[in-house]
PDB file of N, CA and C in Angstrom:
ATOM      1  N   MET A   1      37.330  48.599  52.927  1.00  0.00           N
ATOM      2  CA  MET A   1      35.701  48.406  53.111  1.00  0.00           C
ATOM      3  C   MET A   1      35.995  46.844  53.665  1.00  0.00           C
ATOM      4  N   PRO A   2      35.218  46.516  54.968  1.00  0.00           N
ATOM      5  CA  PRO A   2      35.423  45.208  55.539  1.00  0.00           C
ATOM      6  C   PRO A   2      34.991  44.143  54.701  1.00  0.00           C
ATOM      7  N   TYR A   3      35.547  42.985  54.513  1.00  0.00           N
ATOM      8  CA  TYR A   3      35.501  41.608  53.679  1.00  0.00           C
ATOM      9  C   TYR A   3      35.051  40.740  54.262  1.00  0.00           C
ATOM     10  N   ILE A   4      33.669  40.148  53.807  1.00  0.00           N
ATOM     11  CA  ILE A   4      33.265  38.955  54.690  1.00  0.00           C
ATOM     12  C   ILE A   4      33.765  38.178  53.567  1.00  0.00           C
ATOM     13  N   ASP A   5      34.020  36.791  53.915  1.00  0.00           N
ATOM     14  CA  ASP A   5      34.421  35.608  53.020  1.00  0.00           C
ATOM     15  C   ASP A   5      32.894  35.112  53.404  1.00  0.00           C
ATOM     16  N   PRO A   6      32.588  34.822  51.993  1.00  0.00           N
ATOM     17  CA  PRO A   6      31.220  34.067  51.520  1.00  0.00           C
ATOM     18  C   PRO A   6      31.526  32.836  52.436  1.00  0.00           C
ATOM     19  N   ARG A   7      32.693  31.975  52.002  1.00  0.00           N
ATOM     20  CA  ARG A   7      32.835  30.515  52.514  1.00  0.00           C
ATOM     21  C   ARG A   7      32.628  30.357  53.790  1.00  0.00           C
ATOM     22  N   GLN A   8      33.175  31.380  54.496  1.00  0.00           N
ATOM     23  CA  GLN A   8      33.123  31.500  55.919  1.00  0.00           C
ATOM     24  C   GLN A   8      31.483  31.388  56.478  1.00  0.00           C
ATOM     25  N   VAL A   9      30.829  32.368  55.865  1.00  0.00           N
ATOM     26  CA  VAL A   9      29.199  32.543  56.132  1.00  0.00           C
ATOM     27  C   VAL A   9      28.425  31.086  55.713  1.00  0.00           C
ATOM     28  N   ALA A  10      29.304  30.544  54.688  1.00  0.00           N
ATOM     29  CA  ALA A  10      28.472  29.541  54.859  1.00  0.00           C
ATOM     30  C   ALA A  10      28.748  28.393  55.489  1.00  0.00           C
ATOM     31  N   GLN A  11      30.000  28.520  55.888  1.00  0.00           N
ATOM     32  CA  GLN A  11      30.502  27.321  56.936  1.00  0.00           C
ATOM     33  C   GLN A  11      30.032  27.619  58.073  1.00  0.00           C
ATOM     34  N   LEU A  12      29.678  28.620  58.512  1.00  0.00           N
ATOM     35  CA  LEU A  12      28.948  29.347  59.825  1.00  0.00           C
ATOM     36  C   LEU A  12      27.552  28.696  59.825  1.00  0.00           C
ATOM     37  N   GLU A  13      26.699  28.794  58.598  1.00  0.00           N
ATOM     38  CA  GLU A  13      25.260  28.381  58.557  1.00  0.00           C
ATOM     39  C   GLU A  13      25.313  26.691  58.384  1.00  0.00           C
ATOM     40  N   ARG A  14      26.288  25.936  57.851  1.00  0.00           N
ATOM     41  CA  ARG A  14      26.150  24.646  57.994  1.00  0.00           C
ATOM     42  C   ARG A  14      26.568  24.294  59.400  1.00  0.00           C
ATOM     43  N   GLU A  15      27.345  24.860  59.984  1.00  0.00           N
ATOM     44  CA  GLU A  15      27.693  24.770  61.506  1.00  0.00           C
ATOM     45  C   GLU A  15      26.217  24.773  62.219  1.00  0.00           C
ATOM     46  N   PHE A  16      25.716  25.786  62.099  1.00  0.00           N
ATOM     47  CA  PHE A  16      24.288  25.811  62.723  1.00  0.00           C
ATOM     48  C   PHE A  16      23.338  24.874  62.497  1.00  0.00           C
ATOM     49  N   ASP A  17      23.187  24.376  61.190  1.00  0.00           N
ATOM     50  CA  ASP A  17      22.360  23.628  60.697  1.00  0.00           C
ATOM     51  C   ASP A  17      22.630  22.063  61.246  1.00  0.00           C
ATOM     52  N   SER A  18      23.751  21.731  61.595  1.00  0.00           N
ATOM     53  CA  SER A  18      24.186  20.431  61.920  1.00  0.00           C
ATOM     54  C   SER A  18      24.118  20.372  63.563  1.00  0.00           C
ATOM     55  N   VAL A  19      23.499  21.365  64.221  1.00  0.00           N
ATOM     56  CA  VAL A  19      23.389  21.004  65.678  1.00  0.00           C
ATOM     57  C   VAL A  19      21.689  21.074  65.891  1.00  0.00           C
ATOM     58  N   ALA A  20      21.263  19.718  65.825  1.00  0.00           N
ATOM     59  CA  ALA A  20      19.696  19.430  66.601  1.00  0.00           C
ATOM     60  C   ALA A  20      19.455  20.207  67.290  1.00  0.00           C
ATOM     61  N   PRO A  21      17.798  20.760  67.356  1.00  0.00           N
ATOM     62  CA  PRO A  21      17.722  21.486  68.212  1.00  0.00           C
ATOM     63  C   PRO A  21      16.556  20.728  69.150  1.00  0.00           C
ATOM     64  N   PHE A  22      16.513  21.471  70.447  1.00  0.00           N
ATOM     65  CA  PHE A  22      16.201  20.221  71.557  1.00  0.00           C
ATOM     66  C   PHE A  22      14.653  20.024  70.915  1.00  0.00           C
ATOM     67  N   PRO A  23      14.443  18.605  71.166  1.00  0.00           N
ATOM     68  CA  PRO A  23      13.487  18.043  70.148  1.00  0.00           C
ATOM     69  C   PRO A  23      11.949  18.539  71.009  1.00  0.00           C
ATOM     70  N   GLN A  24      11.655  18.804  72.101  1.00  0.00           N
ATOM     71  CA  GLN A  24      10.740  19.488  72.580  1.00  0.00           C
ATOM     72  C   GLN A  24      10.498  21.150  72.438  1.00  0.00           C
ATOM     73  N   ALA A  25      11.108  21.880  71.169  1.00  0.00           N
ATOM     74  CA  ALA A  25      10.940  23.065  71.445  1.00  0.00           C
ATOM     75  C   ALA A  25      10.504  23.636  69.727  1.00  0.00           C
ATOM     76  N   ASN A  26       9.663  24.712  70.013  1.00  0.00           N
ATOM     77  CA  ASN A  26       9.332  24.876  68.514  1.00  0.00           C
ATOM     78  C   ASN A  26       9.848  26.745  68.166  1.00  0.00           C
ATOM     79  N   ALA A  27      10.150  26.648  66.879  1.00  0.00           N
ATOM     80  CA  ALA A  27      11.152  27.664  66.525  1.00  0.00           C
ATOM     81  C   ALA A  27      10.338  28.962  66.329  1.00  0.00           C
ATOM     82  N   THR A  28      10.375  29.788  66.786  1.00  0.00           N
ATOM     83  CA  THR A  28       9.540  30.878  67.013  1.00  0.00           C
ATOM     84  C   THR A  28      10.213  32.171  66.011  1.00  0.00           C
ATOM     85  N   HIS A  29      11.396  32.238  65.584  1.00  0.00           N
ATOM     86  CA  HIS A  29      11.874  33.273  65.028  1.00  0.00           C
ATOM     87  C   HIS A  29      13.306  32.856  64.655  1.00  0.00           C
ATOM     88  N   SER A  30      13.811  33.076  63.547  1.00  0.00           N
ATOM     89  CA  SER A  30      15.440  33.246  63.151  1.00  0.00           C
ATOM     90  C   SER A  30      15.809  34.367  62.428  1.00  0.00           C
ATOM     91  N   ASP A  31      17.348  34.622  62.485  1.00  0.00           N
ATOM     92  CA  ASP A  31      17.711  35.308  62.076  1.00  0.00           C
ATOM     93  C   ASP A  31      19.174  35.171  61.524  1.00  0.00           C
ATOM     94  N   LYS A  32      19.671  36.340  60.605  1.00  0.00           N
ATOM     95  CA  LYS A  32      20.953  35.836  60.298  1.00  0.00           C
ATOM     96  C   LYS A  32      21.714  37.258  60.162  1.00  0.00           C
ATOM     97  N   SER A  33      23.052  37.738  60.492  1.00  0.00           N
ATOM     98  CA  SER A  33      23.473  38.983  60.026  1.00  0.00           C
ATOM     99  C   SER A  33      25.070  38.834  59.923  1.00  0.00           C
ATOM    100  N   TYR A  34      25.463  39.693  58.740  1.00  0.00           N
ATOM    101  CA  TYR A  34      26.837  39.543  58.271  1.00  0.00           C
ATOM    102  C   TYR A  34      27.399  40.776  58.053  1.00  0.00           C
ATOM    103  N   LYS A  35      28.062  41.436  58.859  1.00  0.00           N
ATOM    104  CA  LYS A  35      28.563  42.864  58.777  1.00  0.00           C
ATOM    105  C   LYS A  35      30.020  43.006  59.290  1.00  0.00           C
ATOM    106  N   ASP A  36      30.778  43.998  59.089  1.00  0.00           N
ATOM    107  CA  ASP A  36      32.183  44.265  59.253  1.00  0.00           C
ATOM    108  C   ASP A  36      32.678  43.130  60.328  1.00  0.00           C
ATOM    109  N   ASN A  37      33.627  42.304  59.218  1.00  0.00           N
ATOM    110  CA  ASN A  37      33.982  40.875  59.782  1.00  0.00           C
ATOM    111  C   ASN A  37      33.318  40.151  61.079  1.00  0.00           C
ATOM    112  N   GLN A  38      31.963  40.384  61.233  1.00  0.00           N
ATOM    113  CA  GLN A  38      30.994  39.754  62.149  1.00  0.00           C
ATOM    114  C   GLN A  38      30.064  38.726  61.552  1.00  0.00           C
ATOM    115  N   ALA A  39      29.537  37.926  62.045  1.00  0.00           N
ATOM    116  CA  ALA A  39      28.568  37.481  61.590  1.00  0.00           C
ATOM    117  C   ALA A  39      27.557  36.759  62.594  1.00  0.00           C
ATOM    118  N   LEU A  40      26.433  36.225  62.306  1.00  0.00           N
ATOM    119  CA  LEU A  40      25.768  35.359  63.589  1.00  0.00           C
ATOM    120  C   LEU A  40      24.545  34.791  62.793  1.00  0.00           C
ATOM    121  N   VAL A  41      24.399  33.542  63.328  1.00  0.00           N
ATOM    122  CA  VAL A  41      22.775  32.529  63.080  1.00  0.00           C
ATOM    123  C   VAL A  41      22.184  32.448  64.644  1.00  0.00           C
ATOM    124  N   LEU A  42      20.903  32.602  64.449  1.00  0.00           N
ATOM    125  CA  LEU A  42      20.244  32.331  65.577  1.00  0.00           C
ATOM    126  C   LEU A  42      18.735  31.789  65.237  1.00  0.00           C
ATOM    127  N   THR A  43      18.056  31.189  66.231  1.00  0.00           N
ATOM    128  CA  THR A  43      17.054  30.930  66.231  1.00  0.00           C
ATOM    129  C   THR A  43      16.579  30.878  67.553  1.00  0.00           C
ATOM    130  N   ARG A  44      15.190  31.611  68.035  1.00  0.00           N
ATOM    131  CA  ARG A  44      14.613  31.606  69.081  1.00  0.00           C
ATOM    132  C   ARG A  44      13.571  30.730  69.302  1.00  0.00           C
ATOM    133  N   TYR A  45      13.563  29.762  69.947  1.00  0.00           N
ATOM    134  CA  TYR A  45      12.310  28.783  70.154  1.00  0.00           C
ATOM    135  C   TYR A  45      11.591  29.009  71.804  1.00  0.00           C
ATOM    136  N   SER A  46      10.507  28.385  71.949  1.00  0.00           N
ATOM    137  CA  SER A  46       9.791  28.121  72.610  1.00  0.00           C
ATOM    138  C   SER A  46       9.417  26.445  73.300  1.00  0.00           C
ATOM    139  N   THR A  47       9.697  26.623  74.681  1.00  0.00           N
ATOM    140  CA  THR A  47       9.317  25.230  75.201  1.00  0.00           C
ATOM    141  C   THR A  47       9.076  25.241  76.794  1.00  0.00           C
ATOM    142  N   SER A  48       8.639  24.237  76.948  1.00  0.00           N
ATOM    143  CA  SER A  48       8.047  24.163  78.683  1.00  0.00           C
ATOM    144  C   SER A  48       9.507  23.434  79.411  1.00  0.00           C
ATOM    145  N   ALA A  49      10.495  23.161  78.388  1.00  0.00           N
ATOM    146  CA  ALA A  49      11.794  22.115  79.466  1.00  0.00           C
ATOM    147  C   ALA A  49      12.433  23.447  80.181  1.00  0.00           C
ATOM    148  N   SER A  50      13.031  22.935  81.544  1.00  0.00           N
ATOM    149  CA  SER A  50      14.027  23.501  82.192  1.00  0.00           C
ATOM    150  C   SER A  50      15.059  24.092  81.727  1.00  0.00           C
ATOM    151  N   TYR A  51      15.475  25.367  82.334  1.00  0.00           N
ATOM    152  CA  TYR A  51      17.143  25.445  81.704  1.00  0.00           C
ATOM    153  C   TYR A  51      18.001  24.089  82.005  1.00  0.00           C
ATOM    154  N   ALA A  52      18.077  23.724  83.143  1.00  0.00           N
ATOM    155  CA  ALA A  52      18.995  22.659  83.396  1.00  0.00           C
ATOM    156  C   ALA A  52      18.739  21.227  82.354  1.00  0.00           C
ATOM    157  N   THR A  53      17.432  21.203  81.807  1.00  0.00           N
ATOM    158  CA  THR A  53      17.197  20.408  80.895  1.00  0.00           C
ATOM    159  C   THR A  53      17.879  20.413  79.648  1.00  0.00           C
ATOM    160  N   LEU A  54      17.753  22.008  79.196  1.00  0.00           N
ATOM    161  CA  LEU A  54      18.211  22.634  77.960  1.00  0.00           C
ATOM    162  C   LEU A  54      19.843  22.527  78.202  1.00  0.00           C
ATOM    163  N   ARG A  55      20.435  22.894  79.036  1.00  0.00           N
ATOM    164  CA  ARG A  55      21.748  23.080  79.406  1.00  0.00           C
ATOM    165  C   ARG A  55      22.239  21.565  79.067  1.00  0.00           C
ATOM    166  N   ASP A  56      21.888  20.486  79.781  1.00  0.00           N
ATOM    167  CA  ASP A  56      22.261  19.012  79.488  1.00  0.00           C
ATOM    168  C   ASP A  56      22.277  19.000  77.895  1.00  0.00           C
ATOM    169  N   TYR A  57      20.979  19.190  77.480  1.00  0.00           N
ATOM    170  CA  TYR A  57      20.745  18.842  75.958  1.00  0.00           C
ATOM    171  C   TYR A  57      21.748  19.419  75.296  1.00  0.00           C
ATOM    172  N   TYR A  58      22.051  20.547  75.175  1.00  0.00           N
ATOM    173  CA  TYR A  58      22.700  21.274  74.398  1.00  0.00           C
ATOM    174  C   TYR A  58      24.327  21.111  74.692  1.00  0.00           C
ATOM    175  N   TYR A  59      24.970  21.051  76.071  1.00  0.00           N
ATOM    176  CA  TYR A  59      26.449  20.630  76.416  1.00  0.00           C
ATOM    177  C   TYR A  59      26.637  19.202  75.495  1.00  0.00           C
ATOM    178  N   THR A  60      25.534  17.966  75.400  1.00  0.00           N
ATOM    179  CA  THR A  60      25.928  17.011  74.850  1.00  0.00           C
ATOM    180  C   THR A  60      25.920  17.192  72.975  1.00  0.00           C
ATOM    181  N   GLU A  61      24.583  18.121  72.911  1.00  0.00           N
ATOM    182  CA  GLU A  61      24.727  17.751  71.413  1.00  0.00           C
ATOM    183  C   GLU A  61      25.862  18.917  70.831  1.00  0.00           C
ATOM    184  N   LEU A  62      26.017  19.923  71.131  1.00  0.00           N
ATOM    185  CA  LEU A  62      27.496  20.795  71.115  1.00  0.00           C
ATOM    186  C   LEU A  62      28.862  20.131  70.902  1.00  0.00           C
ATOM    187  N   SER A  63      29.195  19.337  71.863  1.00  0.00           N
ATOM    188  CA  SER A  63      29.978  18.450  72.038  1.00  0.00           C
ATOM    189  C   SER A  63      30.401  17.680  70.887  1.00  0.00           C
ATOM    190  N   LYS A  64      29.424  17.041  70.808  1.00  0.00           N
ATOM    191  CA  LYS A  64      29.341  16.068  69.751  1.00  0.00           C
ATOM    192  C   LYS A  64      29.819  16.905  68.228  1.00  0.00           C
ATOM    193  N   HIS A  65      29.610  18.440  68.146  1.00  0.00           N
ATOM    194  CA  HIS A  65      30.081  18.820  67.184  1.00  0.00           C
ATOM    195  C   HIS A  65      31.535  19.695  67.281  1.00  0.00           C
ATOM    196  N   GLY A  66      31.791  19.030  68.442  1.00  0.00           N
ATOM    197  CA  GLY A  66      33.427  19.902  68.956  1.00  0.00           C
ATOM    198  C   GLY A  66      33.490  21.181  69.557  1.00  0.00           C
ATOM    199  N   TRP A  67      32.534  21.391  69.999  1.00  0.00           N
ATOM    200  CA  TRP A  67      32.379  22.847  70.636  1.00  0.00           C
ATOM    201  C   TRP A  67      32.685  22.784  72.251  1.00  0.00           C
ATOM    202  N   LYS A  68      33.081  23.659  73.140  1.00  0.00           N
ATOM    203  CA  LYS A  68      33.731  23.450  74.509  1.00  0.00           C
ATOM    204  C   LYS A  68      32.830  24.479  75.083  1.00  0.00           C
ATOM    205  N   PHE A  69      32.472  23.721  76.619  1.00  0.00           N
ATOM    206  CA  PHE A  69      31.448  24.674  77.133  1.00  0.00           C
ATOM    207  C   PHE A  69      32.829  25.868  77.952  1.00  0.00           C
ATOM    208  N   VAL A  70      32.477  26.979  78.090  1.00  0.00           N
ATOM    209  CA  VAL A  70      33.317  27.920  78.485  1.00  0.00           C
ATOM    210  C   VAL A  70      32.774  28.437  79.881  1.00  0.00           C
ATOM    211  N   SER A  71      31.663  29.098  79.764  1.00  0.00           N
ATOM    212  CA  SER A  71      31.092  29.820  81.243  1.00  0.00           C
ATOM    213  C   SER A  71      29.579  29.622  81.291  1.00  0.00           C
ATOM    214  N   GLU A  72      28.974  29.860  82.255  1.00  0.00           N
ATOM    215  CA  GLU A  72      27.573  29.893  82.603  1.00  0.00           C
ATOM    216  C   GLU A  72      27.421  31.496  83.358  1.00  0.00           C
ATOM    217  N   GLU A  73      26.395  32.022  83.028  1.00  0.00           N
ATOM    218  CA  GLU A  73      25.968  33.238  83.831  1.00  0.00           C
ATOM    219  C   GLU A  73      24.517  33.599  83.852  1.00  0.00           C
ATOM    220  N   PRO A  74      24.225  34.255  84.598  1.00  0.00           N
ATOM    221  CA  PRO A  74      22.797  34.300  85.208  1.00  0.00           C
ATOM    222  C   PRO A  74      22.359  35.339  84.282  1.00  0.00           C
ATOM    223  N   LEU A  75      20.895  35.663  83.845  1.00  0.00           N
ATOM    224  CA  LEU A  75      20.464  36.685  82.970  1.00  0.00           C
ATOM    225  C   LEU A  75      19.186  37.080  83.363  1.00  0.00           C
ATOM    226  N   ALA A  76      19.182  38.506  83.459  1.00  0.00           N
ATOM    227  CA  ALA A  76      17.980  39.230  83.967  1.00  0.00           C
ATOM    228  C   ALA A  76      17.048  39.577  82.879  1.00  0.00           C
ATOM    229  N   ASN A  77      15.551  39.519  83.114  1.00  0.00           N
ATOM    230  CA  ASN A  77      14.821  40.269  82.128  1.00  0.00           C
ATOM    231  C   ASN A  77      14.535  41.636  82.405  1.00  0.00           C
ATOM    232  N   TRP A  78      14.864  42.855  82.087  1.00  0.00           N
ATOM    233  CA  TRP A  78      14.101  43.637  82.560  1.00  0.00           C
ATOM    234  C   TRP A  78      14.573  43.772  84.063  1.00  0.00           C
ATOM    235  N   GLY A  79      15.805  43.555  84.520  1.00  0.00           N
ATOM    236  CA  GLY A  79      15.950  43.652  85.927  1.00  0.00           C
ATOM    237  C   GLY A  79      15.519  42.720  86.694  1.00  0.00           C
ATOM    238  N   ARG A  80      14.410  42.000  86.331  1.00  0.00           N
ATOM    239  CA  ARG A  80      14.121  40.688  86.970  1.00  0.00           C
ATOM    240  C   ARG A  80      14.720  39.578  86.893  1.00  0.00           C
ATOM    241  N   ASP A  81      14.802  38.702  88.073  1.00  0.00           N
ATOM    242  CA  ASP A  81      15.461  37.290  87.801  1.00  0.00           C
ATOM    243  C   ASP A  81      14.134  36.191  87.579  1.00  0.00           C
ATOM    244  N   LEU A  82      13.974  35.771  86.394  1.00  0.00           N
ATOM    245  CA  LEU A  82      13.017  35.130  86.072  1.00  0.00           C
ATOM    246  C   LEU A  82      13.659  33.340  86.126  1.00  0.00           C
ATOM    247  N   GLY A  83      14.704  33.207  86.427  1.00  0.00           N
ATOM    248  CA  GLY A  83      15.663  32.187  86.323  1.00  0.00           C
ATOM    249  C   GLY A  83      16.282  31.788  84.793  1.00  0.00           C
ATOM    250  N   GLY A  84      16.568  33.331  84.578  1.00  0.00           N
ATOM    251  CA  GLY A  84      17.449  32.945  82.906  1.00  0.00           C
ATOM    252  C   GLY A  84      18.527  32.648  83.119  1.00  0.00           C
ATOM    253  N   LYS A  85      19.599  32.402  82.049  1.00  0.00           N
ATOM    254  CA  LYS A  85      20.938  31.792  81.963  1.00  0.00           C
ATOM    255  C   LYS A  85      21.258  32.102  80.947  1.00  0.00           C
ATOM    256  N   THR A  86      22.493  32.459  80.661  1.00  0.00           N
ATOM    257  CA  THR A  86      23.448  32.169  79.282  1.00  0.00           C
ATOM    258  C   THR A  86      24.601  30.928  79.358  1.00  0.00           C
ATOM    259  N   ALA A  87      24.376  30.068  78.876  1.00  0.00           N
ATOM    260  CA  ALA A  87      25.856  29.284  78.384  1.00  0.00           C
ATOM    261  C   ALA A  87      26.328  29.539  77.165  1.00  0.00           C
ATOM    262  N   HIS A  88      27.976  29.853  77.489  1.00  0.00           N
ATOM    263  CA  HIS A  88      28.718  30.163  76.285  1.00  0.00           C
ATOM    264  C   HIS A  88      29.779  28.603  76.142  1.00  0.00           C
ATOM    265  N   TYR A  89      30.134  28.539  74.555  1.00  0.00           N
ATOM    266  CA  TYR A  89      30.293  27.336  74.047  1.00  0.00           C
ATOM    267  C   TYR A  89      31.338  28.440  73.128  1.00  0.00           C
ATOM    268  N   CYS A  90      32.590  27.571  72.559  1.00  0.00           N
ATOM    269  CA  CYS A  90      33.899  28.127  71.808  1.00  0.00           C
ATOM    270  C   CYS A  90      33.921  26.559  70.812  1.00  0.00           C
ATOM    271  N   LYS A  91      34.344  27.034  69.840  1.00  0.00           N
ATOM    272  CA  LYS A  91      34.974  26.209  68.845  1.00  0.00           C
ATOM    273  C   LYS A  91      36.034  27.151  68.084  1.00  0.00           C
ATOM    274  N   GLY A  92      37.207  27.091  68.097  1.00  0.00           N
ATOM    275  CA  GLY A  92      38.051  27.810  67.656  1.00  0.00           C
ATOM    276  C   GLY A  92      38.014  29.279  67.976  1.00  0.00           C
ATOM    277  N   ASP A  93      37.719  30.143  66.856  1.00  0.00           N
ATOM    278  CA  ASP A  93      37.088  31.344  67.147  1.00  0.00           C
ATOM    279  C   ASP A  93      35.863  31.532  67.076  1.00  0.00           C
ATOM    280  N   TRP A  94      35.207  30.599  66.860  1.00  0.00           N
ATOM    281  CA  TRP A  94      33.377  30.810  66.776  1.00  0.00           C
ATOM    282  C   TRP A  94      32.811  30.611  68.430  1.00  0.00           C
ATOM    283  N   SER A  95      31.688  31.407  68.256  1.00  0.00           N
ATOM    284  CA  SER A  95      31.417  31.344  69.532  1.00  0.00           C
ATOM    285  C   SER A  95      29.702  30.631  69.565  1.00  0.00           C
ATOM    286  N   ALA A  96      29.041  30.019  70.541  1.00  0.00           N
ATOM    287  CA  ALA A  96      28.037  29.495  70.529  1.00  0.00           C
ATOM    288  C   ALA A  96      27.274  30.067  71.883  1.00  0.00           C
ATOM    289  N   THR A  97      26.301  30.509  71.850  1.00  0.00           N
ATOM    290  CA  THR A  97      25.564  30.576  73.291  1.00  0.00           C
ATOM    291  C   THR A  97      23.971  29.869  73.140  1.00  0.00           C
ATOM    292  N   VAL A  98      23.572  29.787  74.372  1.00  0.00           N
ATOM    293  CA  VAL A  98      22.289  29.281  74.724  1.00  0.00           C
ATOM    294  C   VAL A  98      21.798  29.974  75.629  1.00  0.00           C
ATOM    295  N   GLU A  99      20.710  30.977  75.259  1.00  0.00           N
ATOM    296  CA  GLU A  99      20.546  31.940  76.090  1.00  0.00           C
ATOM    297  C   GLU A  99      19.030  31.788  76.817  1.00  0.00           C
ATOM    298  N   TYR A 100      18.863  31.193  78.031  1.00  0.00           N
ATOM    299  CA  TYR A 100      17.176  30.757  78.402  1.00  0.00           C
ATOM    300  C   TYR A 100      16.779  32.211  79.020  1.00  0.00           C
ATOM    301  N   ALA A 101      15.592  32.355  78.435  1.00  0.00           N
ATOM    302  CA  ALA A 101      15.278  33.496  79.226  1.00  0.00           C
ATOM    303  C   ALA A 101      14.159  33.425  80.676  1.00  0.00           C
ATOM    304  N   GLY A 102      13.745  32.329  80.752  1.00  0.00           N
ATOM    305  CA  GLY A 102      13.160  31.985  82.259  1.00  0.00           C
ATOM    306  C   GLY A 102      11.555  31.491  81.644  1.00  0.00           C
ATOM    307  N   GLN A 103      11.146  31.074  82.263  1.00  0.00           N
ATOM    308  CA  GLN A 103       9.534  30.664  82.298  1.00  0.00           C
ATOM    309  C   GLN A 103       8.472  31.767  82.669  1.00  0.00           C
ATOM    310  N   ASP A 104       7.499  31.794  81.820  1.00  0.00           N
ATOM    311  CA  ASP A 104       6.488  33.014  81.975  1.00  0.00           C
ATOM    312  C   ASP A 104       5.487  32.175  82.599  1.00  0.00           C
ATOM    313  N   ASN A 105       4.567  32.665  83.116  1.00  0.00           N
ATOM    314  CA  ASN A 105       3.174  32.382  84.067  1.00  0.00           C
ATOM    315  C   ASN A 105       2.563  31.118  83.932  1.00  0.00           C
ATOM    316  N   GLU A 106       2.387  30.887  82.750  1.00  0.00           N
ATOM    317  CA  GLU A 106       2.245  29.897  81.954  1.00  0.00           C
ATOM    318  C   GLU A 106       2.948  28.369  81.847  1.00  0.00           C
ATOM    319  N   GLY A 107       4.402  28.615  82.303  1.00  0.00           N
ATOM    320  CA  GLY A 107       5.575  27.749  82.324  1.00  0.00           C
ATOM    321  C   GLY A 107       6.189  27.152  80.939  1.00  0.00           C
ATOM    322  N   ARG A 108       5.892  28.230  80.411  1.00  0.00           N
ATOM    323  CA  ARG A 108       6.823  28.266  78.929  1.00  0.00           C
ATOM    324  C   ARG A 108       7.894  28.819  78.939  1.00  0.00           C
ATOM    325  N   GLY A 109       8.978  28.547  78.436  1.00  0.00           N
ATOM    326  CA  GLY A 109      10.062  29.413  78.270  1.00  0.00           C
ATOM    327  C   GLY A 109      10.656  29.718  77.058  1.00  0.00           C
ATOM    328  N   ALA A 110      11.211  30.548  76.811  1.00  0.00           N
ATOM    329  CA  ALA A 110      12.173  30.759  75.688  1.00  0.00           C
ATOM    330  C   ALA A 110      13.610  30.844  75.665  1.00  0.00           C
ATOM    331  N   TYR A 111      14.143  30.145  74.677  1.00  0.00           N
ATOM    332  CA  TYR A 111      15.656  30.476  74.643  1.00  0.00           C
ATOM    333  C   TYR A 111      15.948  30.326  73.068  1.00  0.00           C
ATOM    334  N   THR A 112      17.361  31.180  73.078  1.00  0.00           N
ATOM    335  CA  THR A 112      17.828  31.296  71.664  1.00  0.00           C
ATOM    336  C   THR A 112      19.179  30.698  71.655  1.00  0.00           C
ATOM    337  N   LEU A 113      19.189  29.968  70.534  1.00  0.00           N
ATOM    338  CA  LEU A 113      20.794  29.260  70.020  1.00  0.00           C
ATOM    339  C   LEU A 113      21.680  30.505  69.223  1.00  0.00           C
ATOM    340  N   THR A 114      22.343  30.771  69.425  1.00  0.00           N
ATOM    341  CA  THR A 114      23.396  31.748  68.608  1.00  0.00           C
ATOM    342  C   THR A 114      24.783  31.058  68.449  1.00  0.00           C
ATOM    343  N   LEU A 115      25.195  31.244  66.974  1.00  0.00           N
ATOM    344  CA  LEU A 115      26.375  30.813  66.537  1.00  0.00           C
ATOM    345  C   LEU A 115      26.920  31.943  66.008  1.00  0.00           C
ATOM    346  N   SER A 116      28.277  32.565  66.268  1.00  0.00           N
ATOM    347  CA  SER A 116      28.511  33.721  65.486  1.00  0.00           C
ATOM    348  C   SER A 116      30.280  33.769  65.752  1.00  0.00           C
ATOM    349  N   TRP A 117      30.937  34.834  64.914  1.00  0.00           N
ATOM    350  CA  TRP A 117      32.308  34.926  64.931  1.00  0.00           C
ATOM    351  C   TRP A 117      32.301  36.468  64.955  1.00  0.00           C
ATOM    352  N   GLY A 118      33.356  36.904  65.677  1.00  0.00           N
ATOM    353  CA  GLY A 118      33.684  38.107  65.618  1.00  0.00           C
ATOM    354  C   GLY A 118      33.072  39.179  66.454  1.00  0.00           C
ATOM    355  N   ILE A 119      32.113  38.414  67.214  1.00  0.00           N
ATOM    356  CA  ILE A 119      31.050  39.534  68.348  1.00  0.00           C
ATOM    357  C   ILE A 119      31.481  38.903  69.602  1.00  0.00           C
ATOM    358  N   ASN A 120      31.073  37.780  70.164  1.00  0.00           N
ATOM    359  CA  ASN A 120      31.800  37.296  71.494  1.00  0.00           C
ATOM    360  C   ASN A 120      32.899  36.131  71.093  1.00  0.00           C
ATOM    361  N   GLN A 121      34.109  36.930  71.370  1.00  0.00           N
ATOM    362  CA  GLN A 121      35.355  36.222  71.029  1.00  0.00           C
ATOM    363  C   GLN A 121      35.619  35.144  71.908  1.00  0.00           C
ATOM    364  N   CYS A 122      36.134  34.127  70.960  1.00  0.00           N
ATOM    365  CA  CYS A 122      36.499  32.883  71.944  1.00  0.00           C
ATOM    366  C   CYS A 122      38.306  32.945  71.241  1.00  0.00           C
ATOM    367  N   LYS A 123      38.437  32.505  72.052  1.00  0.00           N
ATOM    368  CA  LYS A 123      40.208  32.224  72.139  1.00  0.00           C
ATOM    369  C   LYS A 123      41.014  31.081  71.712  1.00  0.00           C
TER     370      LYS A 123
END
């Protein structure tokens, strides 16, 4: 049976809590999952900020905590391009993503901040 070290779980949660969310965003959903040597912590937010603004904010915020930017890629929403993007960061073997879904017709956007290990491998 796979073993999940409760100290690593607590450390991942503390790391997530140390990253300040974008000030003009409202949390809409949070989740945690721990299984089979994998773990993730995430919160989804709503904001009117653009992806470029969020990217700049999280680049600075995550860098303060030792995270290194790795890559950025486009993100489609059910095959449609709404301006979505995903930015990937690594800190040791931990992964962080800022996944921006794009803006709706009212100018609101949604994004998710996720920290994980064992899912999106960092080397």
